[in-house]
Amino acid sequence: QFVKAGELMFTLDDRSDRANVDQAQAQVARDQAALADLERQHKR
């Protein structure tokens, strides 16, 4: 088959990788919340 640049050819099992991405996003959210609390304390 002739394919174009960027055309999807193969998909691998990505369940573990998606879980790792979700975990990293949760960690970012937790750290951002802690930072917001400390910024408020510093302001007071």
PDB file of all heavy atoms in Angstrom:
ATOM      1  N   GLN A   1       0.829  -1.205   0.000  1.00  0.00           N
ATOM      2  CA  GLN A   1       0.000   0.000   0.000  1.00  0.00           C
ATOM      3  C   GLN A   1       0.864   1.257   0.000  1.00  0.00           C
ATOM      4  O   GLN A   1       1.931   1.293   0.598  1.00  0.00           O
ATOM      5  CB  GLN A   1      -0.910  -0.002   1.230  1.00  0.00           C
ATOM      6  CG  GLN A   1      -1.749   1.251   1.402  1.00  0.00           C
ATOM      7  CD  GLN A   1      -2.572   1.220   2.678  1.00  0.00           C
ATOM      8  OE1 GLN A   1      -2.850   0.156   3.221  1.00  0.00           O
ATOM      9  NE2 GLN A   1      -2.964   2.395   3.167  1.00  0.00           N
ATOM     10  N   PHE A   2       0.378   2.279  -0.695  1.00  0.00           N
ATOM     11  CA  PHE A   2       1.020   3.588  -0.625  1.00  0.00           C
ATOM     12  C   PHE A   2       0.447   4.343   0.573  1.00  0.00           C
ATOM     13  O   PHE A   2      -0.773   4.403   0.755  1.00  0.00           O
ATOM     14  CB  PHE A   2       0.772   4.385  -1.903  1.00  0.00           C
ATOM     15  CG  PHE A   2       1.643   3.951  -3.045  1.00  0.00           C
ATOM     16  CD1 PHE A   2       1.193   3.022  -3.963  1.00  0.00           C
ATOM     17  CD2 PHE A   2       2.920   4.470  -3.200  1.00  0.00           C
ATOM     18  CE1 PHE A   2       1.993   2.620  -5.013  1.00  0.00           C
ATOM     19  CE2 PHE A   2       3.726   4.072  -4.247  1.00  0.00           C
ATOM     20  CZ  PHE A   2       3.263   3.140  -5.158  1.00  0.00           C
ATOM     21  N   VAL A   3       1.316   4.892   1.381  1.00  0.00           N
ATOM     22  CA  VAL A   3       0.891   5.617   2.584  1.00  0.00           C
ATOM     23  C   VAL A   3       1.378   7.049   2.507  1.00  0.00           C
ATOM     24  O   VAL A   3       2.363   7.360   1.828  1.00  0.00           O
ATOM     25  CB  VAL A   3       1.434   4.935   3.863  1.00  0.00           C
ATOM     26  CG1 VAL A   3       0.811   3.568   4.048  1.00  0.00           C
ATOM     27  CG2 VAL A   3       2.959   4.846   3.833  1.00  0.00           C
ATOM     28  N   LYS A   4       0.685   7.918   3.204  1.00  0.00           N
ATOM     29  CA  LYS A   4       1.073   9.319   3.305  1.00  0.00           C
ATOM     30  C   LYS A   4       1.904   9.534   4.565  1.00  0.00           C
ATOM     31  O   LYS A   4       1.841   8.740   5.498  1.00  0.00           O
ATOM     32  CB  LYS A   4      -0.165  10.212   3.350  1.00  0.00           C
ATOM     33  CG  LYS A   4      -1.042  10.122   2.115  1.00  0.00           C
ATOM     34  CD  LYS A   4      -2.266  10.999   2.263  1.00  0.00           C
ATOM     35  CE  LYS A   4      -3.170  10.894   1.031  1.00  0.00           C
ATOM     36  NZ  LYS A   4      -4.388  11.733   1.185  1.00  0.00           N
ATOM     37  N   ALA A   5       2.657  10.602   4.580  1.00  0.00           N
ATOM     38  CA  ALA A   5       3.455  10.923   5.765  1.00  0.00           C
ATOM     39  C   ALA A   5       2.529  11.139   6.956  1.00  0.00           C
ATOM     40  O   ALA A   5       1.547  11.882   6.863  1.00  0.00           O
ATOM     41  CB  ALA A   5       4.305  12.157   5.515  1.00  0.00           C
ATOM     42  N   GLY A   6       2.812  10.470   8.074  1.00  0.00           N
ATOM     43  CA  GLY A   6       2.006  10.603   9.276  1.00  0.00           C
ATOM     44  C   GLY A   6       0.829   9.660   9.351  1.00  0.00           C
ATOM     45  O   GLY A   6       0.112   9.651  10.372  1.00  0.00           O
ATOM     46  N   GLU A   7       0.595   8.867   8.338  1.00  0.00           N
ATOM     47  CA  GLU A   7      -0.540   7.938   8.360  1.00  0.00           C
ATOM     48  C   GLU A   7      -0.298   6.822   9.380  1.00  0.00           C
ATOM     49  O   GLU A   7       0.797   6.271   9.466  1.00  0.00           O
ATOM     50  CB  GLU A   7      -0.770   7.352   6.966  1.00  0.00           C
ATOM     51  CG  GLU A   7      -1.971   6.442   6.864  1.00  0.00           C
ATOM     52  CD  GLU A   7      -2.240   5.987   5.441  1.00  0.00           C
ATOM     53  OE1 GLU A   7      -1.683   6.609   4.503  1.00  0.00           O
ATOM     54  OE2 GLU A   7      -2.981   5.008   5.262  1.00  0.00           O
ATOM     55  N   LEU A   8      -1.357   6.481  10.152  1.00  0.00           N
ATOM     56  CA  LEU A   8      -1.251   5.451  11.181  1.00  0.00           C
ATOM     57  C   LEU A   8      -1.087   4.077  10.537  1.00  0.00           C
ATOM     58  O   LEU A   8      -1.882   3.687   9.671  1.00  0.00           O
ATOM     59  CB  LEU A   8      -2.492   5.468  12.070  1.00  0.00           C
ATOM     60  CG  LEU A   8      -2.499   4.511  13.261  1.00  0.00           C
ATOM     61  CD1 LEU A   8      -1.363   4.839  14.221  1.00  0.00           C
ATOM     62  CD2 LEU A   8      -3.841   4.555  13.983  1.00  0.00           C
ATOM     63  N   MET A   9      -0.053   3.340  10.963  1.00  0.00           N
ATOM     64  CA  MET A   9       0.239   2.041  10.378  1.00  0.00           C
ATOM     65  C   MET A   9       0.015   0.890  11.366  1.00  0.00           C
ATOM     66  O   MET A   9      -0.595  -0.122  11.026  1.00  0.00           O
ATOM     67  CB  MET A   9       1.686   2.016   9.871  1.00  0.00           C
ATOM     68  CG  MET A   9       1.979   3.051   8.795  1.00  0.00           C
ATOM     69  SD  MET A   9       3.697   3.024   8.247  1.00  0.00           S
ATOM     70  CE  MET A   9       3.811   1.390   7.523  1.00  0.00           C
ATOM     71  N   PHE A  10       0.512   1.027  12.605  1.00  0.00           N
ATOM     72  CA  PHE A  10       0.377  -0.017  13.615  1.00  0.00           C
ATOM     73  C   PHE A  10      -0.039   0.617  14.942  1.00  0.00           C
ATOM     74  O   PHE A  10       0.382   1.735  15.263  1.00  0.00           O
ATOM     75  CB  PHE A  10       1.700  -0.772  13.831  1.00  0.00           C
ATOM     76  CG  PHE A  10       2.229  -1.454  12.603  1.00  0.00           C
ATOM     77  CD1 PHE A  10       3.134  -0.806  11.766  1.00  0.00           C
ATOM     78  CD2 PHE A  10       1.835  -2.741  12.279  1.00  0.00           C
ATOM     79  CE1 PHE A  10       3.627  -1.424  10.638  1.00  0.00           C
ATOM     80  CE2 PHE A  10       2.329  -3.373  11.147  1.00  0.00           C
ATOM     81  CZ  PHE A  10       3.225  -2.714  10.325  1.00  0.00           C
ATOM     82  N   THR A  11      -0.852  -0.100  15.699  1.00  0.00           N
ATOM     83  CA  THR A  11      -1.205   0.313  17.052  1.00  0.00           C
ATOM     84  C   THR A  11      -0.802  -0.806  18.007  1.00  0.00           C
ATOM     85  O   THR A  11      -1.176  -1.971  17.802  1.00  0.00           O
ATOM     86  CB  THR A  11      -2.710   0.587  17.179  1.00  0.00           C
ATOM     87  OG1 THR A  11      -3.074   1.640  16.293  1.00  0.00           O
ATOM     88  CG2 THR A  11      -3.065   0.996  18.604  1.00  0.00           C
ATOM     89  N   LEU A  12      -0.033  -0.438  19.046  1.00  0.00           N
ATOM     90  CA  LEU A  12       0.386  -1.406  20.059  1.00  0.00           C
ATOM     91  C   LEU A  12      -0.548  -1.325  21.269  1.00  0.00           C
ATOM     92  O   LEU A  12      -1.328  -0.376  21.431  1.00  0.00           O
ATOM     93  CB  LEU A  12       1.828  -1.120  20.486  1.00  0.00           C
ATOM     94  CG  LEU A  12       2.887  -1.040  19.378  1.00  0.00           C
ATOM     95  CD1 LEU A  12       4.254  -0.798  19.986  1.00  0.00           C
ATOM     96  CD2 LEU A  12       2.892  -2.305  18.528  1.00  0.00           C
ATOM     97  N   ASP A  13      -0.463  -2.321  22.128  1.00  0.00           N
ATOM     98  CA  ASP A  13      -1.236  -2.325  23.373  1.00  0.00           C
ATOM     99  C   ASP A  13      -0.752  -1.161  24.243  1.00  0.00           C
ATOM    100  O   ASP A  13       0.404  -1.116  24.662  1.00  0.00           O
ATOM    101  CB  ASP A  13      -1.034  -3.660  24.088  1.00  0.00           C
ATOM    102  CG  ASP A  13      -1.897  -3.783  25.331  1.00  0.00           C
ATOM    103  OD1 ASP A  13      -2.687  -2.855  25.597  1.00  0.00           O
ATOM    104  OD2 ASP A  13      -1.773  -4.804  26.039  1.00  0.00           O
ATOM    105  N   ASP A  14      -1.641  -0.214  24.503  1.00  0.00           N
ATOM    106  CA  ASP A  14      -1.249   1.012  25.202  1.00  0.00           C
ATOM    107  C   ASP A  14      -1.905   1.157  26.576  1.00  0.00           C
ATOM    108  O   ASP A  14      -1.890   2.250  27.152  1.00  0.00           O
ATOM    109  CB  ASP A  14      -1.598   2.234  24.349  1.00  0.00           C
ATOM    110  CG  ASP A  14      -3.098   2.339  24.087  1.00  0.00           C
ATOM    111  OD1 ASP A  14      -3.817   1.358  24.369  1.00  0.00           O
ATOM    112  OD2 ASP A  14      -3.533   3.391  23.590  1.00  0.00           O
ATOM    113  N   ARG A  15      -2.471   0.089  27.132  1.00  0.00           N
ATOM    114  CA  ARG A  15      -3.176   0.212  28.411  1.00  0.00           C
ATOM    115  C   ARG A  15      -2.237   0.649  29.533  1.00  0.00           C
ATOM    116  O   ARG A  15      -2.561   1.545  30.328  1.00  0.00           O
ATOM    117  CB  ARG A  15      -3.849  -1.115  28.759  1.00  0.00           C
ATOM    118  CG  ARG A  15      -5.032  -1.451  27.850  1.00  0.00           C
ATOM    119  CD  ARG A  15      -5.557  -2.839  28.125  1.00  0.00           C
ATOM    120  NE  ARG A  15      -4.563  -3.856  27.807  1.00  0.00           N
ATOM    121  CZ  ARG A  15      -4.760  -5.174  28.022  1.00  0.00           C
ATOM    122  NH1 ARG A  15      -5.879  -5.595  28.580  1.00  0.00           N
ATOM    123  NH2 ARG A  15      -3.819  -6.048  27.681  1.00  0.00           N
ATOM    124  N   SER A  16      -1.084   0.042  29.623  1.00  0.00           N
ATOM    125  CA  SER A  16      -0.136   0.408  30.677  1.00  0.00           C
ATOM    126  C   SER A  16       0.339   1.842  30.508  1.00  0.00           C
ATOM    127  O   SER A  16       0.458   2.591  31.484  1.00  0.00           O
ATOM    128  CB  SER A  16       1.055  -0.558  30.654  1.00  0.00           C
ATOM    129  OG  SER A  16       2.037  -0.181  31.587  1.00  0.00           O
ATOM    130  N   ASP A  17       0.585   2.249  29.284  1.00  0.00           N
ATOM    131  CA  ASP A  17       1.065   3.622  29.052  1.00  0.00           C
ATOM    132  C   ASP A  17      -0.009   4.643  29.376  1.00  0.00           C
ATOM    133  O   ASP A  17       0.300   5.713  29.930  1.00  0.00           O
ATOM    134  CB  ASP A  17       1.515   3.762  27.599  1.00  0.00           C
ATOM    135  CG  ASP A  17       2.740   2.919  27.283  1.00  0.00           C
ATOM    136  OD1 ASP A  17       3.832   3.299  27.702  1.00  0.00           O
ATOM    137  OD2 ASP A  17       2.587   1.866  26.626  1.00  0.00           O
ATOM    138  N   ARG A  18      -1.264   4.336  29.059  1.00  0.00           N
ATOM    139  CA  ARG A  18      -2.329   5.280  29.385  1.00  0.00           C
ATOM    140  C   ARG A  18      -2.491   5.411  30.898  1.00  0.00           C
ATOM    141  O   ARG A  18      -2.764   6.499  31.425  1.00  0.00           O
ATOM    142  CB  ARG A  18      -3.631   4.827  28.736  1.00  0.00           C
ATOM    143  CG  ARG A  18      -3.692   5.153  27.243  1.00  0.00           C
ATOM    144  CD  ARG A  18      -5.062   4.947  26.635  1.00  0.00           C
ATOM    145  NE  ARG A  18      -5.404   3.531  26.515  1.00  0.00           N
ATOM    146  CZ  ARG A  18      -6.295   2.905  27.266  1.00  0.00           C
ATOM    147  NH1 ARG A  18      -6.923   3.560  28.237  1.00  0.00           N
ATOM    148  NH2 ARG A  18      -6.564   1.628  27.090  1.00  0.00           N
ATOM    149  N   ALA A  19      -2.327   4.290  31.626  1.00  0.00           N
ATOM    150  CA  ALA A  19      -2.403   4.338  33.088  1.00  0.00           C
ATOM    151  C   ALA A  19      -1.284   5.195  33.666  1.00  0.00           C
ATOM    152  O   ALA A  19      -1.498   5.976  34.616  1.00  0.00           O
ATOM    153  CB  ALA A  19      -2.348   2.918  33.651  1.00  0.00           C
ATOM    154  N   ASN A  20      -0.108   5.069  33.086  1.00  0.00           N
ATOM    155  CA  ASN A  20       1.014   5.888  33.573  1.00  0.00           C
ATOM    156  C   ASN A  20       0.764   7.374  33.315  1.00  0.00           C
ATOM    157  O   ASN A  20       1.129   8.232  34.134  1.00  0.00           O
ATOM    158  CB  ASN A  20       2.307   5.453  32.890  1.00  0.00           C
ATOM    159  CG  ASN A  20       2.759   4.074  33.327  1.00  0.00           C
ATOM    160  OD1 ASN A  20       2.427   3.628  34.439  1.00  0.00           O
ATOM    161  ND2 ASN A  20       3.519   3.393  32.477  1.00  0.00           N
ATOM    162  N   VAL A  21       0.163   7.682  32.185  1.00  0.00           N
ATOM    163  CA  VAL A  21      -0.162   9.082  31.887  1.00  0.00           C
ATOM    164  C   VAL A  21      -1.185   9.615  32.878  1.00  0.00           C
ATOM    165  O   VAL A  21      -1.057  10.743  33.396  1.00  0.00           O
ATOM    166  CB  VAL A  21      -0.670   9.215  30.440  1.00  0.00           C
ATOM    167  CG1 VAL A  21      -1.234  10.620  30.190  1.00  0.00           C
ATOM    168  CG2 VAL A  21       0.454   8.937  29.449  1.00  0.00           C
ATOM    169  N   ASP A  22      -2.207   8.801  33.190  1.00  0.00           N
ATOM    170  CA  ASP A  22      -3.221   9.239  34.160  1.00  0.00           C
ATOM    171  C   ASP A  22      -2.595   9.469  35.540  1.00  0.00           C
ATOM    172  O   ASP A  22      -2.937  10.443  36.236  1.00  0.00           O
ATOM    173  CB  ASP A  22      -4.334   8.184  34.260  1.00  0.00           C
ATOM    174  CG  ASP A  22      -5.150   8.087  32.975  1.00  0.00           C
ATOM    175  OD1 ASP A  22      -5.091   9.043  32.180  1.00  0.00           O
ATOM    176  OD2 ASP A  22      -5.823   7.046  32.762  1.00  0.00           O
ATOM    177  N   GLN A  23      -1.690   8.566  35.935  1.00  0.00           N
ATOM    178  CA  GLN A  23      -1.022   8.726  37.226  1.00  0.00           C
ATOM    179  C   GLN A  23      -0.200  10.009  37.258  1.00  0.00           C
ATOM    180  O   GLN A  23      -0.199  10.744  38.256  1.00  0.00           O
ATOM    181  CB  GLN A  23      -0.140   7.508  37.498  1.00  0.00           C
ATOM    182  CG  GLN A  23       0.548   7.540  38.851  1.00  0.00           C
ATOM    183  CD  GLN A  23       1.421   6.308  39.071  1.00  0.00           C
ATOM    184  OE1 GLN A  23       1.571   5.469  38.178  1.00  0.00           O
ATOM    185  NE2 GLN A  23       1.997   6.204  40.267  1.00  0.00           N
ATOM    186  N   ALA A  24       0.511  10.302  36.172  1.00  0.00           N
ATOM    187  CA  ALA A  24       1.317  11.521  36.112  1.00  0.00           C
ATOM    188  C   ALA A  24       0.442  12.766  36.146  1.00  0.00           C
ATOM    189  O   ALA A  24       0.802  13.781  36.775  1.00  0.00           O
ATOM    190  CB  ALA A  24       2.178  11.505  34.856  1.00  0.00           C
ATOM    191  N   GLN A  25      -0.700  12.723  35.499  1.00  0.00           N
ATOM    192  CA  GLN A  25      -1.609  13.868  35.529  1.00  0.00           C
ATOM    193  C   GLN A  25      -2.136  14.111  36.949  1.00  0.00           C
ATOM    194  O   GLN A  25      -2.259  15.263  37.393  1.00  0.00           O
ATOM    195  CB  GLN A  25      -2.768  13.630  34.562  1.00  0.00           C
ATOM    196  CG  GLN A  25      -2.386  13.785  33.100  1.00  0.00           C
ATOM    197  CD  GLN A  25      -3.528  13.478  32.157  1.00  0.00           C
ATOM    198  OE1 GLN A  25      -4.457  12.746  32.540  1.00  0.00           O
ATOM    199  NE2 GLN A  25      -3.459  14.007  30.953  1.00  0.00           N
ATOM    200  N   ALA A  26      -2.437  13.015  37.683  1.00  0.00           N
ATOM    201  CA  ALA A  26      -2.911  13.160  39.067  1.00  0.00           C
ATOM    202  C   ALA A  26      -1.828  13.751  39.954  1.00  0.00           C
ATOM    203  O   ALA A  26      -2.103  14.595  40.831  1.00  0.00           O
ATOM    204  CB  ALA A  26      -3.367  11.802  39.601  1.00  0.00           C
ATOM    205  N   GLN A  27      -0.598  13.336  39.746  1.00  0.00           N
ATOM    206  CA  GLN A  27       0.509  13.877  40.527  1.00  0.00           C
ATOM    207  C   GLN A  27       0.678  15.371  40.275  1.00  0.00           C
ATOM    208  O   GLN A  27       0.924  16.156  41.202  1.00  0.00           O
ATOM    209  CB  GLN A  27       1.797  13.133  40.176  1.00  0.00           C
ATOM    210  CG  GLN A  27       3.011  13.563  40.986  1.00  0.00           C
ATOM    211  CD  GLN A  27       2.875  13.204  42.462  1.00  0.00           C
ATOM    212  OE1 GLN A  27       2.385  12.119  42.800  1.00  0.00           O
ATOM    213  NE2 GLN A  27       3.308  14.099  43.342  1.00  0.00           N
ATOM    214  N   VAL A  28       0.523  15.787  39.036  1.00  0.00           N
ATOM    215  CA  VAL A  28       0.622  17.207  38.706  1.00  0.00           C
ATOM    216  C   VAL A  28      -0.483  17.981  39.417  1.00  0.00           C
ATOM    217  O   VAL A  28      -0.246  19.060  39.995  1.00  0.00           O
ATOM    218  CB  VAL A  28       0.546  17.413  37.179  1.00  0.00           C
ATOM    219  CG1 VAL A  28       0.376  18.889  36.843  1.00  0.00           C
ATOM    220  CG2 VAL A  28       1.796  16.865  36.507  1.00  0.00           C
ATOM    221  N   ALA A  29      -1.691  17.426  39.400  1.00  0.00           N
ATOM    222  CA  ALA A  29      -2.811  18.114  40.055  1.00  0.00           C
ATOM    223  C   ALA A  29      -2.577  18.246  41.556  1.00  0.00           C
ATOM    224  O   ALA A  29      -2.841  19.308  42.158  1.00  0.00           O
ATOM    225  CB  ALA A  29      -4.111  17.364  39.785  1.00  0.00           C
ATOM    226  N   ARG A  30      -2.058  17.176  42.189  1.00  0.00           N
ATOM    227  CA  ARG A  30      -1.790  17.230  43.635  1.00  0.00           C
ATOM    228  C   ARG A  30      -0.724  18.267  43.960  1.00  0.00           C
ATOM    229  O   ARG A  30      -0.859  19.068  44.903  1.00  0.00           O
ATOM    230  CB  ARG A  30      -1.361  15.854  44.125  1.00  0.00           C
ATOM    231  CG  ARG A  30      -1.197  15.763  45.637  1.00  0.00           C
ATOM    232  CD  ARG A  30      -0.809  14.370  46.051  1.00  0.00           C
ATOM    233  NE  ARG A  30       0.509  13.999  45.537  1.00  0.00           N
ATOM    234  CZ  ARG A  30       1.070  12.793  45.760  1.00  0.00           C
ATOM    235  NH1 ARG A  30       0.419  11.865  46.440  1.00  0.00           N
ATOM    236  NH2 ARG A  30       2.269  12.537  45.264  1.00  0.00           N
ATOM    237  N   ASP A  31       0.330  18.292  43.187  1.00  0.00           N
ATOM    238  CA  ASP A  31       1.418  19.231  43.439  1.00  0.00           C
ATOM    239  C   ASP A  31       0.958  20.674  43.201  1.00  0.00           C
ATOM    240  O   ASP A  31       1.386  21.601  43.906  1.00  0.00           O
ATOM    241  CB  ASP A  31       2.623  18.903  42.570  1.00  0.00           C
ATOM    242  CG  ASP A  31       3.265  17.573  42.951  1.00  0.00           C
ATOM    243  OD1 ASP A  31       3.041  17.107  44.083  1.00  0.00           O
ATOM    244  OD2 ASP A  31       3.998  16.998  42.102  1.00  0.00           O
ATOM    245  N   GLN A  32       0.126  20.862  42.195  1.00  0.00           N
ATOM    246  CA  GLN A  32      -0.383  22.214  41.936  1.00  0.00           C
ATOM    247  C   GLN A  32      -1.280  22.687  43.091  1.00  0.00           C
ATOM    248  O   GLN A  32      -1.270  23.878  43.455  1.00  0.00           O
ATOM    249  CB  GLN A  32      -1.153  22.232  40.613  1.00  0.00           C
ATOM    250  CG  GLN A  32      -0.256  22.170  39.383  1.00  0.00           C
ATOM    251  CD  GLN A  32      -1.039  22.111  38.094  1.00  0.00           C
ATOM    252  OE1 GLN A  32      -2.231  21.718  38.103  1.00  0.00           O
ATOM    253  NE2 GLN A  32      -0.395  22.463  36.990  1.00  0.00           N
ATOM    254  N   ALA A  33      -2.060  21.755  43.673  1.00  0.00           N
ATOM    255  CA  ALA A  33      -2.910  22.135  44.813  1.00  0.00           C
ATOM    256  C   ALA A  33      -2.064  22.509  46.022  1.00  0.00           C
ATOM    257  O   ALA A  33      -2.355  23.500  46.727  1.00  0.00           O
ATOM    258  CB  ALA A  33      -3.856  20.980  45.158  1.00  0.00           C
ATOM    259  N   ALA A  34      -0.987  21.727  46.262  1.00  0.00           N
ATOM    260  CA  ALA A  34      -0.096  22.048  47.380  1.00  0.00           C
ATOM    261  C   ALA A  34       0.574  23.397  47.176  1.00  0.00           C
ATOM    262  O   ALA A  34       0.741  24.197  48.112  1.00  0.00           O
ATOM    263  CB  ALA A  34       0.940  20.937  47.535  1.00  0.00           C
ATOM    264  N   LEU A  35       0.967  23.674  45.938  1.00  0.00           N
ATOM    265  CA  LEU A  35       1.583  24.968  45.642  1.00  0.00           C
ATOM    266  C   LEU A  35       0.601  26.103  45.880  1.00  0.00           C
ATOM    267  O   LEU A  35       0.971  27.152  46.450  1.00  0.00           O
ATOM    268  CB  LEU A  35       2.067  24.982  44.186  1.00  0.00           C
ATOM    269  CG  LEU A  35       2.587  26.326  43.664  1.00  0.00           C
ATOM    270  CD1 LEU A  35       3.822  26.755  44.465  1.00  0.00           C
ATOM    271  CD2 LEU A  35       2.933  26.212  42.177  1.00  0.00           C
ATOM    272  N   ALA A  36      -0.644  25.930  45.476  1.00  0.00           N
ATOM    273  CA  ALA A  36      -1.643  26.991  45.676  1.00  0.00           C
ATOM    274  C   ALA A  36      -1.856  27.270  47.160  1.00  0.00           C
ATOM    275  O   ALA A  36      -1.995  28.445  47.577  1.00  0.00           O
ATOM    276  CB  ALA A  36      -2.956  26.589  45.009  1.00  0.00           C
ATOM    277  N   ASP A  37      -1.872  26.196  47.974  1.00  0.00           N
ATOM    278  CA  ASP A  37      -2.051  26.397  49.409  1.00  0.00           C
ATOM    279  C   ASP A  37      -0.874  27.156  50.004  1.00  0.00           C
ATOM    280  O   ASP A  37      -1.059  28.089  50.822  1.00  0.00           O
ATOM    281  CB  ASP A  37      -2.221  25.045  50.091  1.00  0.00           C
ATOM    282  CG  ASP A  37      -2.434  25.175  51.588  1.00  0.00           C
ATOM    283  OD1 ASP A  37      -3.397  25.841  52.009  1.00  0.00           O
ATOM    284  OD2 ASP A  37      -1.593  24.617  52.339  1.00  0.00           O
ATOM    285  N   LEU A  38       0.335  26.796  49.624  1.00  0.00           N
ATOM    286  CA  LEU A  38       1.512  27.493  50.157  1.00  0.00           C
ATOM    287  C   LEU A  38       1.559  28.943  49.699  1.00  0.00           C
ATOM    288  O   LEU A  38       1.997  29.827  50.447  1.00  0.00           O
ATOM    289  CB  LEU A  38       2.788  26.755  49.723  1.00  0.00           C
ATOM    290  CG  LEU A  38       3.032  25.411  50.417  1.00  0.00           C
ATOM    291  CD1 LEU A  38       4.188  24.666  49.738  1.00  0.00           C
ATOM    292  CD2 LEU A  38       3.336  25.625  51.903  1.00  0.00           C
ATOM    293  N   GLU A  39       1.127  29.205  48.481  1.00  0.00           N
ATOM    294  CA  GLU A  39       1.106  30.591  48.007  1.00  0.00           C
ATOM    295  C   GLU A  39       0.117  31.428  48.830  1.00  0.00           C
ATOM    296  O   GLU A  39       0.379  32.606  49.123  1.00  0.00           O
ATOM    297  CB  GLU A  39       0.739  30.629  46.520  1.00  0.00           C
ATOM    298  CG  GLU A  39       1.873  30.153  45.622  1.00  0.00           C
ATOM    299  CD  GLU A  39       1.465  30.120  44.159  1.00  0.00           C
ATOM    300  OE1 GLU A  39       0.236  30.079  43.889  1.00  0.00           O
ATOM    301  OE2 GLU A  39       2.370  30.105  43.281  1.00  0.00           O
ATOM    302  N   ARG A  40      -1.032  30.833  49.184  1.00  0.00           N
ATOM    303  CA  ARG A  40      -1.986  31.568  50.018  1.00  0.00           C
ATOM    304  C   ARG A  40      -1.411  31.851  51.407  1.00  0.00           C
ATOM    305  O   ARG A  40      -1.567  32.954  51.958  1.00  0.00           O
ATOM    306  CB  ARG A  40      -3.284  30.777  50.139  1.00  0.00           C
ATOM    307  CG  ARG A  40      -4.143  30.790  48.870  1.00  0.00           C
ATOM    308  CD  ARG A  40      -5.522  30.246  49.143  1.00  0.00           C
ATOM    309  NE  ARG A  40      -5.471  28.842  49.558  1.00  0.00           N
ATOM    310  CZ  ARG A  40      -5.542  27.800  48.735  1.00  0.00           C
ATOM    311  NH1 ARG A  40      -5.653  28.020  47.424  1.00  0.00           N
ATOM    312  NH2 ARG A  40      -5.492  26.556  49.192  1.00  0.00           N
ATOM    313  N   GLN A  41      -0.725  30.815  51.997  1.00  0.00           N
ATOM    314  CA  GLN A  41      -0.103  31.001  53.310  1.00  0.00           C
ATOM    315  C   GLN A  41       0.964  32.099  53.265  1.00  0.00           C
ATOM    316  O   GLN A  41       1.080  32.930  54.187  1.00  0.00           O
ATOM    317  CB  GLN A  41       0.503  29.689  53.808  1.00  0.00           C
ATOM    318  CG  GLN A  41      -0.519  28.611  54.138  1.00  0.00           C
ATOM    319  CD  GLN A  41       0.137  27.357  54.669  1.00  0.00           C
ATOM    320  OE1 GLN A  41       1.211  27.428  55.284  1.00  0.00           O
ATOM    321  NE2 GLN A  41      -0.504  26.203  54.435  1.00  0.00           N
ATOM    322  N   HIS A  42       1.735  32.092  52.150  1.00  0.00           N
ATOM    323  CA  HIS A  42       2.782  33.112  52.030  1.00  0.00           C
ATOM    324  C   HIS A  42       2.174  34.506  51.918  1.00  0.00           C
ATOM    325  O   HIS A  42       2.693  35.489  52.500  1.00  0.00           O
ATOM    326  CB  HIS A  42       3.662  32.799  50.814  1.00  0.00           C
ATOM    327  CG  HIS A  42       4.751  33.794  50.617  1.00  0.00           C
ATOM    328  ND1 HIS A  42       4.630  34.840  49.707  1.00  0.00           N
ATOM    329  CD2 HIS A  42       5.973  33.954  51.221  1.00  0.00           C
ATOM    330  CE1 HIS A  42       5.725  35.564  49.730  1.00  0.00           C
ATOM    331  NE2 HIS A  42       6.568  35.049  50.652  1.00  0.00           N
ATOM    332  N   LYS A  43       1.060  34.615  51.240  1.00  0.00           N
ATOM    333  CA  LYS A  43       0.417  35.916  51.102  1.00  0.00           C
ATOM    334  C   LYS A  43      -0.085  36.419  52.462  1.00  0.00           C
ATOM    335  O   LYS A  43       0.097  37.610  52.811  1.00  0.00           O
ATOM    336  CB  LYS A  43      -0.738  35.794  50.105  1.00  0.00           C
ATOM    337  CG  LYS A  43      -1.446  37.120  49.863  1.00  0.00           C
ATOM    338  CD  LYS A  43      -2.560  36.952  48.835  1.00  0.00           C
ATOM    339  CE  LYS A  43      -3.255  38.284  48.596  1.00  0.00           C
ATOM    340  NZ  LYS A  43      -4.361  38.160  47.629  1.00  0.00           N
ATOM    341  N   ARG A  44      -0.723  35.524  53.273  1.00  0.00           N
ATOM    342  CA  ARG A  44      -1.195  35.940  54.591  1.00  0.00           C
ATOM    343  C   ARG A  44      -0.046  36.327  55.530  1.00  0.00           C
ATOM    344  O   ARG A  44      -0.117  37.294  56.290  1.00  0.00           O
ATOM    345  CB  ARG A  44      -2.029  34.817  55.224  1.00  0.00           C
ATOM    346  CG  ARG A  44      -3.429  34.674  54.610  1.00  0.00           C
ATOM    347  CD  ARG A  44      -4.325  33.835  55.506  1.00  0.00           C
ATOM    348  NE  ARG A  44      -3.781  32.488  55.696  1.00  0.00           N
ATOM    349  CZ  ARG A  44      -4.083  31.441  54.932  1.00  0.00           C
ATOM    350  NH1 ARG A  44      -4.913  31.618  53.897  1.00  0.00           N
ATOM    351  NH2 ARG A  44      -3.553  30.265  55.176  1.00  0.00           N
TER     352      ARG A  44
END
